[in-house]
Amino acid sequence: MFDIGFSELVMIALVALIVIGPERLPKAARVAGMWVGRARRSLASVKQEIDRELKADELNEILKRQTHIESLETIFEEPPKPAAGLAPNLPPAPASPSPAKSDALREPPPRG
């Protein structure tokens, strides 16, 4: 994360030994370790929360798409209902074409 090498860690330890002293160095190391641990846990918690929110947003988007698709499917599945005033006024549809029309359709027109 910070790209600290072994030689840099040794240098930090020597400076800490000189500044803090050998008697208080173990306690200072424990306190520093405790703070580093808390910082890592806090960062991990924030990262988890962000991931959780992103997944929740993604699931909400999928749910919106699915409900939109389902509403379109119901529109296409339901046949249109005729209006109440229009249905009785329509003329009945012919059952079959008349024989004269069907004969005229079968014969090719005379060439002249």
PDB file of N, CA and C in Angstrom:
ATOM      1  N   MET A   1       0.819  -1.178   0.000  1.00  0.00           N
ATOM      2  CA  MET A   1       0.000   0.000   0.000  1.00  0.00           C
ATOM      3  C   MET A   1       0.873   1.256   0.000  1.00  0.00           C
ATOM      4  N   PHE A   2       1.845   1.314   0.905  1.00  0.00           N
ATOM      5  CA  PHE A   2       2.733   2.468   0.955  1.00  0.00           C
ATOM      6  C   PHE A   2       4.083   2.179   0.315  1.00  0.00           C
ATOM      7  N   ASP A   3       4.299   0.955  -0.133  1.00  0.00           N
ATOM      8  CA  ASP A   3       5.560   0.537  -0.750  1.00  0.00           C
ATOM      9  C   ASP A   3       6.758   0.809   0.163  1.00  0.00           C
ATOM     10  N   ILE A   4       6.677   0.309   1.386  1.00  0.00           N
ATOM     11  CA  ILE A   4       7.780   0.444   2.336  1.00  0.00           C
ATOM     12  C   ILE A   4       8.592  -0.839   2.291  1.00  0.00           C
ATOM     13  N   GLY A   5       9.877  -0.712   2.011  1.00  0.00           N
ATOM     14  CA  GLY A   5      10.758  -1.870   1.944  1.00  0.00           C
ATOM     15  C   GLY A   5      11.338  -2.213   3.310  1.00  0.00           C
ATOM     16  N   PHE A   6      12.106  -3.309   3.343  1.00  0.00           N
ATOM     17  CA  PHE A   6      12.695  -3.774   4.593  1.00  0.00           C
ATOM     18  C   PHE A   6      13.694  -2.762   5.145  1.00  0.00           C
ATOM     19  N   SER A   7      14.511  -2.180   4.282  1.00  0.00           N
ATOM     20  CA  SER A   7      15.515  -1.216   4.756  1.00  0.00           C
ATOM     21  C   SER A   7      14.841   0.023   5.363  1.00  0.00           C
ATOM     22  N   GLU A   8      13.717   0.438   4.797  1.00  0.00           N
ATOM     23  CA  GLU A   8      13.005   1.584   5.358  1.00  0.00           C
ATOM     24  C   GLU A   8      12.399   1.244   6.714  1.00  0.00           C
ATOM     25  N   LEU A   9      11.894   0.014   6.869  1.00  0.00           N
ATOM     26  CA  LEU A   9      11.363  -0.413   8.165  1.00  0.00           C
ATOM     27  C   LEU A   9      12.456  -0.447   9.226  1.00  0.00           C
ATOM     28  N   VAL A  10      13.641  -0.914   8.873  1.00  0.00           N
ATOM     29  CA  VAL A  10      14.767  -0.950   9.816  1.00  0.00           C
ATOM     30  C   VAL A  10      15.142   0.473  10.223  1.00  0.00           C
ATOM     31  N   MET A  11      15.152   1.385   9.280  1.00  0.00           N
ATOM     32  CA  MET A  11      15.487   2.777   9.576  1.00  0.00           C
ATOM     33  C   MET A  11      14.451   3.387  10.528  1.00  0.00           C
ATOM     34  N   ILE A  12      13.166   3.126  10.295  1.00  0.00           N
ATOM     35  CA  ILE A  12      12.110   3.634  11.181  1.00  0.00           C
ATOM     36  C   ILE A  12      12.258   3.041  12.579  1.00  0.00           C
ATOM     37  N   ALA A  13      12.578   1.753  12.668  1.00  0.00           N
ATOM     38  CA  ALA A  13      12.757   1.094  13.973  1.00  0.00           C
ATOM     39  C   ALA A  13      13.938   1.696  14.723  1.00  0.00           C
ATOM     40  N   LEU A  14      15.044   1.967  14.043  1.00  0.00           N
ATOM     41  CA  LEU A  14      16.206   2.570  14.703  1.00  0.00           C
ATOM     42  C   LEU A  14      15.892   3.983  15.207  1.00  0.00           C
ATOM     43  N   VAL A  15      15.218   4.774  14.401  1.00  0.00           N
ATOM     44  CA  VAL A  15      14.858   6.130  14.826  1.00  0.00           C
ATOM     45  C   VAL A  15      13.909   6.070  16.023  1.00  0.00           C
ATOM     46  N   ALA A  16      12.932   5.141  15.971  1.00  0.00           N
ATOM     47  CA  ALA A  16      12.005   4.987  17.100  1.00  0.00           C
ATOM     48  C   ALA A  16      12.745   4.552  18.351  1.00  0.00           C
ATOM     49  N   LEU A  17      13.722   3.656  18.229  1.00  0.00           N
ATOM     50  CA  LEU A  17      14.505   3.195  19.378  1.00  0.00           C
ATOM     51  C   LEU A  17      15.277   4.359  19.996  1.00  0.00           C
ATOM     52  N   ILE A  18      15.837   5.209  19.154  1.00  0.00           N
ATOM     53  CA  ILE A  18      16.615   6.339  19.664  1.00  0.00           C
ATOM     54  C   ILE A  18      15.695   7.391  20.295  1.00  0.00           C
ATOM     55  N   VAL A  19      14.579   7.703  19.644  1.00  0.00           N
ATOM     56  CA  VAL A  19      13.695   8.771  20.124  1.00  0.00           C
ATOM     57  C   VAL A  19      12.904   8.329  21.349  1.00  0.00           C
ATOM     58  N   ILE A  20      12.290   7.142  21.287  1.00  0.00           N
ATOM     59  CA  ILE A  20      11.413   6.686  22.368  1.00  0.00           C
ATOM     60  C   ILE A  20      12.220   6.060  23.504  1.00  0.00           C
ATOM     61  N   GLY A  21      13.222   5.346  23.158  1.00  0.00           N
ATOM     62  CA  GLY A  21      14.031   4.669  24.175  1.00  0.00           C
ATOM     63  C   GLY A  21      13.646   3.203  24.271  1.00  0.00           C
ATOM     64  N   PRO A  22      14.590   2.379  24.766  1.00  0.00           N
ATOM     65  CA  PRO A  22      14.339   0.934  24.808  1.00  0.00           C
ATOM     66  C   PRO A  22      13.278   0.531  25.827  1.00  0.00           C
ATOM     67  N   GLU A  23      13.030   1.355  26.845  1.00  0.00           N
ATOM     68  CA  GLU A  23      12.063   0.975  27.878  1.00  0.00           C
ATOM     69  C   GLU A  23      10.617   1.166  27.402  1.00  0.00           C
ATOM     70  N   ARG A  24      10.367   2.212  26.644  1.00  0.00           N
ATOM     71  CA  ARG A  24       8.996   2.493  26.206  1.00  0.00           C
ATOM     72  C   ARG A  24       8.713   1.998  24.788  1.00  0.00           C
ATOM     73  N   LEU A  25       9.679   1.467  24.082  1.00  0.00           N
ATOM     74  CA  LEU A  25       9.496   1.023  22.697  1.00  0.00           C
ATOM     75  C   LEU A  25       8.471  -0.108  22.564  1.00  0.00           C
ATOM     76  N   PRO A  26       8.488  -1.156  23.433  1.00  0.00           N
ATOM     77  CA  PRO A  26       7.478  -2.218  23.271  1.00  0.00           C
ATOM     78  C   PRO A  26       6.036  -1.701  23.419  1.00  0.00           C
ATOM     79  N   LYS A  27       5.822  -0.823  24.403  1.00  0.00           N
ATOM     80  CA  LYS A  27       4.475  -0.276  24.586  1.00  0.00           C
ATOM     81  C   LYS A  27       4.091   0.596  23.390  1.00  0.00           C
ATOM     82  N   ALA A  28       5.006   1.382  22.889  1.00  0.00           N
ATOM     83  CA  ALA A  28       4.733   2.231  21.727  1.00  0.00           C
ATOM     84  C   ALA A  28       4.435   1.378  20.494  1.00  0.00           C
ATOM     85  N   ALA A  29       5.148   0.261  20.354  1.00  0.00           N
ATOM     86  CA  ALA A  29       4.896  -0.635  19.218  1.00  0.00           C
ATOM     87  C   ALA A  29       3.499  -1.246  19.322  1.00  0.00           C
ATOM     88  N   ARG A  30       3.081  -1.642  20.533  1.00  0.00           N
ATOM     89  CA  ARG A  30       1.730  -2.195  20.720  1.00  0.00           C
ATOM     90  C   ARG A  30       0.662  -1.153  20.382  1.00  0.00           C
ATOM     91  N   VAL A  31       0.859   0.074  20.858  1.00  0.00           N
ATOM     92  CA  VAL A  31      -0.112   1.136  20.584  1.00  0.00           C
ATOM     93  C   VAL A  31      -0.168   1.430  19.085  1.00  0.00           C
ATOM     94  N   ALA A  32       0.994   1.490  18.449  1.00  0.00           N
ATOM     95  CA  ALA A  32       1.022   1.735  16.999  1.00  0.00           C
ATOM     96  C   ALA A  32       0.334   0.593  16.252  1.00  0.00           C
ATOM     97  N   GLY A  33       0.592  -0.643  16.666  1.00  0.00           N
ATOM     98  CA  GLY A  33      -0.072  -1.796  16.046  1.00  0.00           C
ATOM     99  C   GLY A  33      -1.580  -1.755  16.234  1.00  0.00           C
ATOM    100  N   MET A  34      -2.006  -1.319  17.432  1.00  0.00           N
ATOM    101  CA  MET A  34      -3.439  -1.205  17.700  1.00  0.00           C
ATOM    102  C   MET A  34      -4.081  -0.175  16.761  1.00  0.00           C
ATOM    103  N   TRP A  35      -3.423   0.970  16.588  1.00  0.00           N
ATOM    104  CA  TRP A  35      -3.968   2.002  15.707  1.00  0.00           C
ATOM    105  C   TRP A  35      -3.979   1.561  14.245  1.00  0.00           C
ATOM    106  N   VAL A  36      -2.943   0.863  13.836  1.00  0.00           N
ATOM    107  CA  VAL A  36      -2.907   0.353  12.456  1.00  0.00           C
ATOM    108  C   VAL A  36      -4.031  -0.661  12.246  1.00  0.00           C
ATOM    109  N   GLY A  37      -4.248  -1.528  13.235  1.00  0.00           N
ATOM    110  CA  GLY A  37      -5.338  -2.507  13.144  1.00  0.00           C
ATOM    111  C   GLY A  37      -6.700  -1.842  13.055  1.00  0.00           C
ATOM    112  N   ARG A  38      -6.909  -0.810  13.872  1.00  0.00           N
ATOM    113  CA  ARG A  38      -8.185  -0.085  13.825  1.00  0.00           C
ATOM    114  C   ARG A  38      -8.385   0.573  12.464  1.00  0.00           C
ATOM    115  N   ALA A  39      -7.323   1.165  11.951  1.00  0.00           N
ATOM    116  CA  ALA A  39      -7.428   1.822  10.643  1.00  0.00           C
ATOM    117  C   ALA A  39      -7.762   0.806   9.553  1.00  0.00           C
ATOM    118  N   ARG A  40      -7.124  -0.355   9.592  1.00  0.00           N
ATOM    119  CA  ARG A  40      -7.406  -1.391   8.587  1.00  0.00           C
ATOM    120  C   ARG A  40      -8.844  -1.886   8.703  1.00  0.00           C
ATOM    121  N   ARG A  41      -9.305  -2.109   9.928  1.00  0.00           N
ATOM    122  CA  ARG A  41     -10.687  -2.568  10.114  1.00  0.00           C
ATOM    123  C   ARG A  41     -11.682  -1.514   9.630  1.00  0.00           C
ATOM    124  N   SER A  42     -11.379  -0.247   9.907  1.00  0.00           N
ATOM    125  CA  SER A  42     -12.271   0.826   9.455  1.00  0.00           C
ATOM    126  C   SER A  42     -12.326   0.888   7.934  1.00  0.00           C
ATOM    127  N   LEU A  43     -11.173   0.789   7.301  1.00  0.00           N
ATOM    128  CA  LEU A  43     -11.141   0.803   5.840  1.00  0.00           C
ATOM    129  C   LEU A  43     -11.872  -0.405   5.258  1.00  0.00           C
ATOM    130  N   ALA A  44     -11.685  -1.571   5.872  1.00  0.00           N
ATOM    131  CA  ALA A  44     -12.379  -2.772   5.396  1.00  0.00           C
ATOM    132  C   ALA A  44     -13.887  -2.623   5.569  1.00  0.00           C
ATOM    133  N   SER A  45     -14.307  -2.015   6.673  1.00  0.00           N
ATOM    134  CA  SER A  45     -15.734  -1.800   6.916  1.00  0.00           C
ATOM    135  C   SER A  45     -16.331  -0.846   5.881  1.00  0.00           C
ATOM    136  N   VAL A  46     -15.615   0.226   5.594  1.00  0.00           N
ATOM    137  CA  VAL A  46     -16.094   1.181   4.590  1.00  0.00           C
ATOM    138  C   VAL A  46     -16.178   0.508   3.223  1.00  0.00           C
ATOM    139  N   LYS A  47     -15.169  -0.276   2.889  1.00  0.00           N
ATOM    140  CA  LYS A  47     -15.169  -0.979   1.603  1.00  0.00           C
ATOM    141  C   LYS A  47     -16.342  -1.950   1.516  1.00  0.00           C
ATOM    142  N   GLN A  48     -16.612  -2.676   2.596  1.00  0.00           N
ATOM    143  CA  GLN A  48     -17.743  -3.607   2.625  1.00  0.00           C
ATOM    144  C   GLN A  48     -19.060  -2.866   2.450  1.00  0.00           C
ATOM    145  N   GLU A  49     -19.194  -1.745   3.111  1.00  0.00           N
ATOM    146  CA  GLU A  49     -20.431  -0.964   3.016  1.00  0.00           C
ATOM    147  C   GLU A  49     -20.641  -0.445   1.597  1.00  0.00           C
ATOM    148  N   ILE A  50     -19.582   0.016   0.968  1.00  0.00           N
ATOM    149  CA  ILE A  50     -19.685   0.495  -0.413  1.00  0.00           C
ATOM    150  C   ILE A  50     -20.073  -0.650  -1.342  1.00  0.00           C
ATOM    151  N   ASP A  51     -19.446  -1.812  -1.178  1.00  0.00           N
ATOM    152  CA  ASP A  51     -19.796  -2.974  -1.998  1.00  0.00           C
ATOM    153  C   ASP A  51     -21.252  -3.369  -1.796  1.00  0.00           C
ATOM    154  N   ARG A  52     -21.702  -3.340  -0.557  1.00  0.00           N
ATOM    155  CA  ARG A  52     -23.092  -3.695  -0.253  1.00  0.00           C
ATOM    156  C   ARG A  52     -24.059  -2.720  -0.925  1.00  0.00           C
ATOM    157  N   GLU A  53     -23.745  -1.432  -0.879  1.00  0.00           N
ATOM    158  CA  GLU A  53     -24.609  -0.427  -1.509  1.00  0.00           C
ATOM    159  C   GLU A  53     -24.621  -0.588  -3.029  1.00  0.00           C
ATOM    160  N   LEU A  54     -23.461  -0.876  -3.617  1.00  0.00           N
ATOM    161  CA  LEU A  54     -23.408  -1.076  -5.064  1.00  0.00           C
ATOM    162  C   LEU A  54     -24.242  -2.279  -5.480  1.00  0.00           C
ATOM    163  N   LYS A  55     -24.164  -3.361  -4.713  1.00  0.00           N
ATOM    164  CA  LYS A  55     -24.964  -4.546  -5.022  1.00  0.00           C
ATOM    165  C   LYS A  55     -26.449  -4.251  -4.869  1.00  0.00           C
ATOM    166  N   ALA A  56     -26.817  -3.486  -3.845  1.00  0.00           N
ATOM    167  CA  ALA A  56     -28.224  -3.138  -3.648  1.00  0.00           C
ATOM    168  C   ALA A  56     -28.736  -2.282  -4.807  1.00  0.00           C
ATOM    169  N   ASP A  57     -27.929  -1.322  -5.258  1.00  0.00           N
ATOM    170  CA  ASP A  57     -28.329  -0.499  -6.399  1.00  0.00           C
ATOM    171  C   ASP A  57     -28.480  -1.344  -7.659  1.00  0.00           C
ATOM    172  N   GLU A  58     -27.555  -2.279  -7.851  1.00  0.00           N
ATOM    173  CA  GLU A  58     -27.622  -3.158  -9.018  1.00  0.00           C
ATOM    174  C   GLU A  58     -28.881  -4.027  -8.972  1.00  0.00           C
ATOM    175  N   LEU A  59     -29.209  -4.555  -7.795  1.00  0.00           N
ATOM    176  CA  LEU A  59     -30.418  -5.371  -7.665  1.00  0.00           C
ATOM    177  C   LEU A  59     -31.676  -4.532  -7.893  1.00  0.00           C
ATOM    178  N   ASN A  60     -31.687  -3.297  -7.414  1.00  0.00           N
ATOM    179  CA  ASN A  60     -32.834  -2.417  -7.661  1.00  0.00           C
ATOM    180  C   ASN A  60     -33.001  -2.135  -9.147  1.00  0.00           C
ATOM    181  N   GLU A  61     -31.910  -1.930  -9.853  1.00  0.00           N
ATOM    182  CA  GLU A  61     -31.968  -1.684 -11.296  1.00  0.00           C
ATOM    183  C   GLU A  61     -32.497  -2.912 -12.031  1.00  0.00           C
ATOM    184  N   ILE A  62     -32.046  -4.094 -11.635  1.00  0.00           N
ATOM    185  CA  ILE A  62     -32.534  -5.334 -12.251  1.00  0.00           C
ATOM    186  C   ILE A  62     -34.021  -5.504 -11.974  1.00  0.00           C
ATOM    187  N   LEU A  63     -34.452  -5.199 -10.765  1.00  0.00           N
ATOM    188  CA  LEU A  63     -35.866  -5.311 -10.407  1.00  0.00           C
ATOM    189  C   LEU A  63     -36.719  -4.347 -11.227  1.00  0.00           C
ATOM    190  N   LYS A  64     -36.236  -3.129 -11.439  1.00  0.00           N
ATOM    191  CA  LYS A  64     -36.971  -2.165 -12.261  1.00  0.00           C
ATOM    192  C   LYS A  64     -37.112  -2.676 -13.690  1.00  0.00           C
ATOM    193  N   ARG A  65     -36.029  -3.208 -14.250  1.00  0.00           N
ATOM    194  CA  ARG A  65     -36.091  -3.751 -15.613  1.00  0.00           C
ATOM    195  C   ARG A  65     -37.079  -4.904 -15.694  1.00  0.00           C
ATOM    196  N   GLN A  66     -37.051  -5.779 -14.703  1.00  0.00           N
ATOM    197  CA  GLN A  66     -37.923  -6.949 -14.716  1.00  0.00           C
ATOM    198  C   GLN A  66     -39.389  -6.535 -14.621  1.00  0.00           C
ATOM    199  N   THR A  67     -39.713  -5.583 -13.763  1.00  0.00           N
ATOM    200  CA  THR A  67     -41.104  -5.143 -13.662  1.00  0.00           C
ATOM    201  C   THR A  67     -41.549  -4.453 -14.943  1.00  0.00           C
ATOM    202  N   HIS A  68     -40.639  -3.729 -15.597  1.00  0.00           N
ATOM    203  CA  HIS A  68     -40.964  -3.092 -16.873  1.00  0.00           C
ATOM    204  C   HIS A  68     -41.235  -4.153 -17.931  1.00  0.00           C
ATOM    205  N   ILE A  69     -40.413  -5.184 -17.985  1.00  0.00           N
ATOM    206  CA  ILE A  69     -40.600  -6.263 -18.954  1.00  0.00           C
ATOM    207  C   ILE A  69     -41.895  -7.007 -18.671  1.00  0.00           C
ATOM    208  N   GLU A  70     -42.193  -7.270 -17.406  1.00  0.00           N
ATOM    209  CA  GLU A  70     -43.432  -7.968 -17.058  1.00  0.00           C
ATOM    210  C   GLU A  70     -44.655  -7.145 -17.442  1.00  0.00           C
ATOM    211  N   SER A  71     -44.590  -5.837 -17.275  1.00  0.00           N
ATOM    212  CA  SER A  71     -45.730  -5.006 -17.667  1.00  0.00           C
ATOM    213  C   SER A  71     -45.909  -5.030 -19.180  1.00  0.00           C
ATOM    214  N   LEU A  72     -44.814  -5.048 -19.934  1.00  0.00           N
ATOM    215  CA  LEU A  72     -44.920  -5.153 -21.390  1.00  0.00           C
ATOM    216  C   LEU A  72     -45.484  -6.504 -21.802  1.00  0.00           C
ATOM    217  N   GLU A  73     -45.096  -7.565 -21.109  1.00  0.00           N
ATOM    218  CA  GLU A  73     -45.618  -8.890 -21.428  1.00  0.00           C
ATOM    219  C   GLU A  73     -47.121  -8.952 -21.187  1.00  0.00           C
ATOM    220  N   THR A  74     -47.604  -8.362 -20.117  1.00  0.00           N
ATOM    221  CA  THR A  74     -49.047  -8.389 -19.858  1.00  0.00           C
ATOM    222  C   THR A  74     -49.801  -7.576 -20.894  1.00  0.00           C
ATOM    223  N   ILE A  75     -49.205  -6.521 -21.400  1.00  0.00           N
ATOM    224  CA  ILE A  75     -49.858  -5.732 -22.446  1.00  0.00           C
ATOM    225  C   ILE A  75     -50.013  -6.570 -23.705  1.00  0.00           C
ATOM    226  N   PHE A  76     -48.986  -7.323 -24.084  1.00  0.00           N
ATOM    227  CA  PHE A  76     -49.049  -8.121 -25.300  1.00  0.00           C
ATOM    228  C   PHE A  76     -49.869  -9.391 -25.124  1.00  0.00           C
ATOM    229  N   GLU A  77     -49.971  -9.915 -23.923  1.00  0.00           N
ATOM    230  CA  GLU A  77     -50.728 -11.142 -23.699  1.00  0.00           C
ATOM    231  C   GLU A  77     -52.228 -10.891 -23.680  1.00  0.00           C
ATOM    232  N   GLU A  78     -52.693  -9.791 -23.157  1.00  0.00           N
ATOM    233  CA  GLU A  78     -54.115  -9.505 -23.064  1.00  0.00           C
ATOM    234  C   GLU A  78     -54.632  -9.008 -24.408  1.00  0.00           C
ATOM    235  N   PRO A  79     -55.702  -9.637 -24.945  1.00  0.00           N
ATOM    236  CA  PRO A  79     -56.259  -9.138 -26.208  1.00  0.00           C
ATOM    237  C   PRO A  79     -56.967  -7.811 -25.966  1.00  0.00           C
ATOM    238  N   PRO A  80     -57.012  -6.970 -26.982  1.00  0.00           N
ATOM    239  CA  PRO A  80     -57.701  -5.689 -26.792  1.00  0.00           C
ATOM    240  C   PRO A  80     -59.200  -5.920 -26.622  1.00  0.00           C
ATOM    241  N   LYS A  81     -59.799  -5.188 -25.733  1.00  0.00           N
ATOM    242  CA  LYS A  81     -61.229  -5.321 -25.464  1.00  0.00           C
ATOM    243  C   LYS A  81     -61.975  -4.282 -26.299  1.00  0.00           C
ATOM    244  N   PRO A  82     -63.049  -4.716 -27.014  1.00  0.00           N
ATOM    245  CA  PRO A  82     -63.787  -3.748 -27.832  1.00  0.00           C
ATOM    246  C   PRO A  82     -64.550  -2.782 -26.941  1.00  0.00           C
ATOM    247  N   ALA A  83     -64.763  -1.609 -27.474  1.00  0.00           N
ATOM    248  CA  ALA A  83     -65.529  -0.610 -26.737  1.00  0.00           C
ATOM    249  C   ALA A  83     -66.986  -1.043 -26.708  1.00  0.00           C
ATOM    250  N   ALA A  84     -67.710  -0.681 -25.697  1.00  0.00           N
ATOM    251  CA  ALA A  84     -69.089  -1.143 -25.503  1.00  0.00           C
ATOM    252  C   ALA A  84     -70.014  -0.639 -26.603  1.00  0.00           C
ATOM    253  N   GLY A  85     -69.852   0.551 -27.081  1.00  0.00           N
ATOM    254  CA  GLY A  85     -70.748   1.117 -28.087  1.00  0.00           C
ATOM    255  C   GLY A  85     -70.438   0.664 -29.501  1.00  0.00           C
ATOM    256  N   LEU A  86     -69.266   0.156 -29.797  1.00  0.00           N
ATOM    257  CA  LEU A  86     -68.884  -0.178 -31.163  1.00  0.00           C
ATOM    258  C   LEU A  86     -69.218  -1.608 -31.561  1.00  0.00           C
ATOM    259  N   ALA A  87     -69.245  -2.534 -30.678  1.00  0.00           N
ATOM    260  CA  ALA A  87     -69.417  -3.943 -31.017  1.00  0.00           C
ATOM    261  C   ALA A  87     -70.755  -4.244 -31.690  1.00  0.00           C
ATOM    262  N   PRO A  88     -71.920  -3.755 -31.243  1.00  0.00           N
ATOM    263  CA  PRO A  88     -73.181  -4.109 -31.906  1.00  0.00           C
ATOM    264  C   PRO A  88     -73.340  -3.480 -33.285  1.00  0.00           C
ATOM    265  N   ASN A  89     -72.685  -2.402 -33.613  1.00  0.00           N
ATOM    266  CA  ASN A  89     -72.873  -1.705 -34.880  1.00  0.00           C
ATOM    267  C   ASN A  89     -72.057  -2.297 -36.019  1.00  0.00           C
ATOM    268  N   LEU A  90     -71.167  -3.213 -35.761  1.00  0.00           N
ATOM    269  CA  LEU A  90     -70.334  -3.778 -36.814  1.00  0.00           C
ATOM    270  C   LEU A  90     -71.133  -4.769 -37.645  1.00  0.00           C
ATOM    271  N   PRO A  91     -70.945  -4.757 -38.981  1.00  0.00           N
ATOM    272  CA  PRO A  91     -71.636  -5.764 -39.805  1.00  0.00           C
ATOM    273  C   PRO A  91     -70.981  -7.123 -39.596  1.00  0.00           C
ATOM    274  N   PRO A  92     -71.743  -8.214 -39.756  1.00  0.00           N
ATOM    275  CA  PRO A  92     -71.148  -9.542 -39.579  1.00  0.00           C
ATOM    276  C   PRO A  92     -70.142  -9.832 -40.680  1.00  0.00           C
ATOM    277  N   ALA A  93     -69.110 -10.529 -40.347  1.00  0.00           N
ATOM    278  CA  ALA A  93     -68.076 -10.883 -41.314  1.00  0.00           C
ATOM    279  C   ALA A  93     -68.596 -11.996 -42.208  1.00  0.00           C
ATOM    280  N   PRO A  94     -68.286 -11.971 -43.525  1.00  0.00           N
ATOM    281  CA  PRO A  94     -68.746 -13.047 -44.415  1.00  0.00           C
ATOM    282  C   PRO A  94     -68.081 -14.363 -44.031  1.00  0.00           C
ATOM    283  N   ALA A  95     -68.875 -15.442 -44.082  1.00  0.00           N
ATOM    284  CA  ALA A  95     -68.365 -16.756 -43.695  1.00  0.00           C
ATOM    285  C   ALA A  95     -67.397 -17.286 -44.734  1.00  0.00           C
ATOM    286  N   SER A  96     -67.770 -17.212 -46.015  1.00  0.00           N
ATOM    287  CA  SER A  96     -66.886 -17.666 -47.090  1.00  0.00           C
ATOM    288  C   SER A  96     -67.165 -16.813 -48.317  1.00  0.00           C
ATOM    289  N   PRO A  97     -66.200 -16.708 -49.210  1.00  0.00           N
ATOM    290  CA  PRO A  97     -66.436 -15.897 -50.414  1.00  0.00           C
ATOM    291  C   PRO A  97     -67.493 -16.565 -51.300  1.00  0.00           C
ATOM    292  N   SER A  98     -68.234 -15.761 -52.033  1.00  0.00           N
ATOM    293  CA  SER A  98     -69.268 -16.308 -52.922  1.00  0.00           C
ATOM    294  C   SER A  98     -68.616 -17.104 -54.047  1.00  0.00           C
ATOM    295  N   PRO A  99     -69.306 -18.141 -54.603  1.00  0.00           N
ATOM    296  CA  PRO A  99     -68.704 -18.975 -55.642  1.00  0.00           C
ATOM    297  C   PRO A  99     -68.353 -18.199 -56.897  1.00  0.00           C
ATOM    298  N   ALA A 100     -69.113 -17.191 -57.260  1.00  0.00           N
ATOM    299  CA  ALA A 100     -68.821 -16.448 -58.480  1.00  0.00           C
ATOM    300  C   ALA A 100     -67.500 -15.697 -58.330  1.00  0.00           C
ATOM    301  N   LYS A 101     -67.278 -15.128 -57.167  1.00  0.00           N
ATOM    302  CA  LYS A 101     -66.028 -14.399 -56.953  1.00  0.00           C
ATOM    303  C   LYS A 101     -64.850 -15.353 -56.913  1.00  0.00           C
ATOM    304  N   SER A 102     -65.042 -16.529 -56.304  1.00  0.00           N
ATOM    305  CA  SER A 102     -63.929 -17.465 -56.223  1.00  0.00           C
ATOM    306  C   SER A 102     -63.585 -18.027 -57.593  1.00  0.00           C
ATOM    307  N   ASP A 103     -64.594 -18.240 -58.482  1.00  0.00           N
ATOM    308  CA  ASP A 103     -64.315 -18.710 -59.844  1.00  0.00           C
ATOM    309  C   ASP A 103     -63.580 -17.638 -60.633  1.00  0.00           C
ATOM    310  N   ALA A 104     -63.966 -16.404 -60.436  1.00  0.00           N
ATOM    311  CA  ALA A 104     -63.318 -15.312 -61.153  1.00  0.00           C
ATOM    312  C   ALA A 104     -61.876 -15.168 -60.704  1.00  0.00           C
ATOM    313  N   LEU A 105     -61.619 -15.480 -59.485  1.00  0.00           N
ATOM    314  CA  LEU A 105     -60.250 -15.371 -58.993  1.00  0.00           C
ATOM    315  C   LEU A 105     -59.376 -16.493 -59.530  1.00  0.00           C
ATOM    316  N   ARG A 106     -59.951 -17.653 -59.789  1.00  0.00           N
ATOM    317  CA  ARG A 106     -59.156 -18.795 -60.253  1.00  0.00           C
ATOM    318  C   ARG A 106     -58.792 -18.697 -61.731  1.00  0.00           C
ATOM    319  N   GLU A 107     -59.703 -18.165 -62.567  1.00  0.00           N
ATOM    320  CA  GLU A 107     -59.454 -18.113 -64.008  1.00  0.00           C
ATOM    321  C   GLU A 107     -58.543 -16.931 -64.326  1.00  0.00           C
ATOM    322  N   PRO A 108     -57.541 -17.181 -65.152  1.00  0.00           N
ATOM    323  CA  PRO A 108     -56.686 -16.059 -65.550  1.00  0.00           C
ATOM    324  C   PRO A 108     -57.460 -15.134 -66.492  1.00  0.00           C
ATOM    325  N   PRO A 109     -57.151 -13.880 -66.500  1.00  0.00           N
ATOM    326  CA  PRO A 109     -57.848 -12.949 -67.392  1.00  0.00           C
ATOM    327  C   PRO A 109     -57.510 -13.252 -68.855  1.00  0.00           C
ATOM    328  N   PRO A 110     -58.454 -13.049 -69.756  1.00  0.00           N
ATOM    329  CA  PRO A 110     -58.180 -13.329 -71.181  1.00  0.00           C
ATOM    330  C   PRO A 110     -57.132 -12.366 -71.722  1.00  0.00           C
ATOM    331  N   ARG A 111     -56.268 -12.928 -72.549  1.00  0.00           N
ATOM    332  CA  ARG A 111     -55.214 -12.101 -73.166  1.00  0.00           C
ATOM    333  C   ARG A 111     -55.718 -11.602 -74.510  1.00  0.00           C
ATOM    334  N   GLY A 112     -55.477 -10.415 -74.769  1.00  0.00           N
ATOM    335  CA  GLY A 112     -56.074  -9.897 -75.970  1.00  0.00           C
ATOM    336  C   GLY A 112     -55.234  -9.227 -76.902  1.00  0.00           C
TER     337      GLY A 112
END
